[in-house]
Protein backbone atom coordinates (compact mmCIF):
# COMPACT_ATOMS: atom_id res chain seq x y z
CA MET A 1 -89.92 -11.39 -4.07
CA ALA A 2 -86.65 -13.19 -3.28
CA SER A 3 -87.55 -16.44 -5.24
CA THR A 4 -88.59 -14.05 -8.27
CA MET A 5 -84.96 -12.59 -8.35
CA GLN A 6 -83.67 -15.97 -7.90
CA ASP A 7 -85.67 -17.35 -10.86
CA LEU A 8 -84.40 -14.42 -12.87
CA ARG A 9 -80.75 -15.36 -11.95
CA GLN A 10 -80.71 -18.96 -13.25
CA PRO A 11 -78.82 -19.69 -16.30
CA PRO A 12 -80.70 -20.03 -19.62
CA ALA A 13 -82.91 -23.07 -20.02
CA PRO A 14 -81.93 -25.00 -23.06
CA ASN A 15 -85.07 -24.21 -24.92
CA ASN A 16 -83.77 -20.35 -24.32
CA GLY A 17 -80.48 -21.11 -26.30
CA ASN A 18 -81.79 -19.34 -29.54
CA LEU A 19 -83.32 -16.58 -27.64
CA VAL A 20 -79.98 -15.84 -25.86
CA THR A 21 -78.11 -15.84 -29.07
CA LEU A 22 -80.79 -13.40 -30.59
CA THR A 23 -80.17 -11.41 -27.69
CA HIS A 24 -76.57 -11.35 -28.35
CA VAL A 25 -77.35 -10.37 -31.98
CA ILE A 26 -79.35 -7.48 -30.76
CA TYR A 27 -76.68 -5.96 -28.55
CA GLY A 28 -74.24 -6.44 -31.58
CA LEU A 29 -76.75 -4.38 -33.97
CA HIS A 30 -77.07 -1.98 -31.25
CA ALA A 31 -73.20 -1.62 -30.68
CA PHE A 32 -72.57 -1.37 -34.57
CA SER A 33 -74.82 1.36 -34.73
CA ALA A 34 -73.49 3.51 -31.59
CA LEU A 35 -70.07 2.80 -32.19
CA SER A 36 -70.45 3.89 -36.17
CA GLY A 37 -70.77 7.23 -34.43
CA LEU A 38 -67.47 7.03 -32.98
CA LEU A 39 -65.89 6.29 -36.22
CA SER A 40 -67.60 8.93 -38.48
CA ALA A 41 -68.23 12.63 -37.75
CA ALA A 42 -71.89 11.82 -36.42
CA PHE A 43 -72.46 11.59 -32.57
CA VAL A 44 -72.77 8.51 -30.92
CA VAL A 45 -76.52 8.95 -30.09
CA THR A 46 -77.59 9.99 -33.60
CA ALA A 47 -76.03 6.88 -35.36
CA PHE A 48 -77.33 4.78 -32.54
CA LEU A 49 -80.89 6.33 -33.04
CA SER A 50 -80.88 6.71 -37.20
CA GLY A 51 -78.52 3.44 -37.94
CA TRP A 52 -80.60 0.64 -39.89
CA PRO A 53 -78.94 -1.88 -37.18
CA SER A 54 -80.44 -0.20 -34.08
CA ILE A 55 -83.69 0.17 -35.93
CA ILE A 56 -83.74 -3.40 -36.79
CA ALA A 57 -82.67 -4.48 -33.32
CA VAL A 58 -85.71 -2.55 -31.61
CA ILE A 59 -88.08 -3.98 -34.09
CA ILE A 60 -86.79 -7.43 -33.11
CA ASN A 61 -87.12 -6.49 -29.23
CA TYR A 62 -90.59 -5.92 -29.95
CA VAL A 63 -91.41 -8.94 -32.10
CA LYS A 64 -89.66 -11.32 -29.80
CA ARG A 65 -90.20 -9.84 -26.38
CA GLY A 66 -93.17 -12.02 -25.98
CA GLU A 67 -90.95 -15.33 -26.11
CA ALA A 68 -88.69 -13.74 -23.38
CA ARG A 69 -91.42 -13.02 -20.99
CA GLY A 70 -91.05 -14.57 -17.51
CA SER A 71 -87.08 -15.51 -18.07
CA TRP A 72 -84.24 -13.80 -17.43
CA LEU A 73 -83.88 -12.41 -20.74
CA GLU A 74 -87.20 -10.39 -20.44
CA SER A 75 -84.82 -7.71 -18.25
CA HIS A 76 -82.50 -7.58 -21.27
CA PHE A 77 -85.24 -7.15 -23.88
CA ARG A 78 -86.59 -4.45 -21.34
CA TRP A 79 -83.09 -2.91 -21.10
CA GLN A 80 -82.64 -2.67 -24.81
CA ILE A 81 -86.05 -0.99 -25.48
CA ARG A 82 -85.68 1.32 -22.60
CA THR A 83 -81.94 2.45 -24.08
CA PHE A 84 -83.37 3.24 -27.49
CA TRP A 85 -86.40 5.20 -26.27
CA PHE A 86 -84.59 7.27 -23.57
CA ALA A 87 -81.89 8.08 -26.17
CA LEU A 88 -84.53 9.33 -28.34
CA LEU A 89 -86.02 11.46 -25.64
CA TRP A 90 -82.60 12.97 -24.89
CA PHE A 91 -82.15 13.68 -28.47
CA VAL A 92 -85.38 15.25 -28.93
CA VAL A 93 -84.66 17.34 -25.66
CA ALA A 94 -81.31 18.41 -27.15
CA GLY A 95 -83.01 19.36 -30.41
CA LEU A 96 -85.36 21.64 -28.58
CA LEU A 97 -82.46 23.28 -26.65
CA ALA A 98 -80.77 23.93 -30.05
CA ILE A 99 -83.58 25.86 -31.34
CA THR A 100 -82.00 28.78 -29.47
CA LEU A 101 -78.56 30.07 -29.58
CA ILE A 102 -78.11 29.97 -25.82
CA GLY A 103 -79.35 26.46 -26.03
CA ILE A 104 -77.22 24.97 -28.49
CA PRO A 105 -74.03 24.39 -26.01
CA ALA A 106 -76.39 22.61 -23.55
CA ALA A 107 -77.86 20.78 -26.60
CA LEU A 108 -74.44 19.48 -27.55
CA LEU A 109 -73.42 18.55 -23.74
CA LEU A 110 -76.96 16.66 -23.64
CA VAL A 111 -76.24 14.88 -27.03
CA LEU A 112 -72.46 14.04 -25.91
CA GLY A 113 -74.03 12.89 -22.39
CA ALA A 114 -76.47 10.63 -24.25
CA GLY A 115 -73.99 8.94 -26.33
CA ILE A 116 -71.88 8.14 -23.49
CA TRP A 117 -74.94 6.66 -21.49
CA VAL A 118 -75.95 4.65 -24.66
CA LEU A 119 -72.43 3.22 -24.92
CA TYR A 120 -72.63 2.24 -20.95
CA ARG A 121 -75.75 0.67 -21.43
CA ILE A 122 -74.81 -1.25 -24.40
CA ALA A 123 -71.60 -2.47 -22.76
CA ARG A 124 -73.09 -3.32 -19.17
CA GLY A 125 -76.25 -5.20 -20.97
CA TRP A 126 -73.81 -7.14 -22.93
CA LEU A 127 -71.35 -8.12 -20.29
CA ASN A 128 -74.53 -9.01 -17.80
CA LEU A 129 -75.65 -11.44 -20.81
CA LEU A 130 -72.34 -13.13 -21.26
CA ASP A 131 -72.27 -13.58 -17.57
CA GLY A 132 -75.95 -14.93 -17.86
CA GLN A 133 -77.22 -12.45 -15.61
CA PRO A 134 -80.41 -10.31 -15.65
CA MET A 135 -80.53 -6.54 -15.97
CA PRO A 136 -81.59 -4.92 -12.79
CA LEU A 137 -85.17 -3.83 -12.49
CA PRO A 138 -85.98 -0.11 -12.66
CA PRO A 139 -86.83 1.51 -9.34
CA SER A 140 -90.61 1.71 -10.23
CA ALA A 141 -90.44 -1.96 -11.09
CA HIS A 142 -89.07 -2.59 -7.58
CA GLN A 143 -91.91 -0.90 -5.84
CA ALA A 144 -94.74 -2.66 -7.94
CA ALA A 145 -93.19 -6.04 -6.92
CA ASP A 146 -93.13 -5.07 -3.25
């Protein structure tokens, strides 16, 4: 396990340079979509999920994640994909809550919280990428690795 984590923390190999640049572009696309929610009447999470830059970014994630497999960038691709799908999950839950009048305040709080969470995930991921660091493994991945 220690050697696996050490391998993931190594700076990108020269052949990963294009993939590092692409990962920056993907974070940029996600950030553009999310931040457009701050600059307009839309919520961050709705702009993130419905904005074409984020949709293009998640498609690129799926198309290129095979190239990232086995490198420290794999964790960033997983982080970006999980951010998109979990944001969608929380948005759907908020939509189900909003069906009832009683659930509308909870739905608004959930969408607001999900928007803050999306901004956090984009910022944390991008900062780790700038530092040449992988994203942490989710708890379930730690258990599988042990």
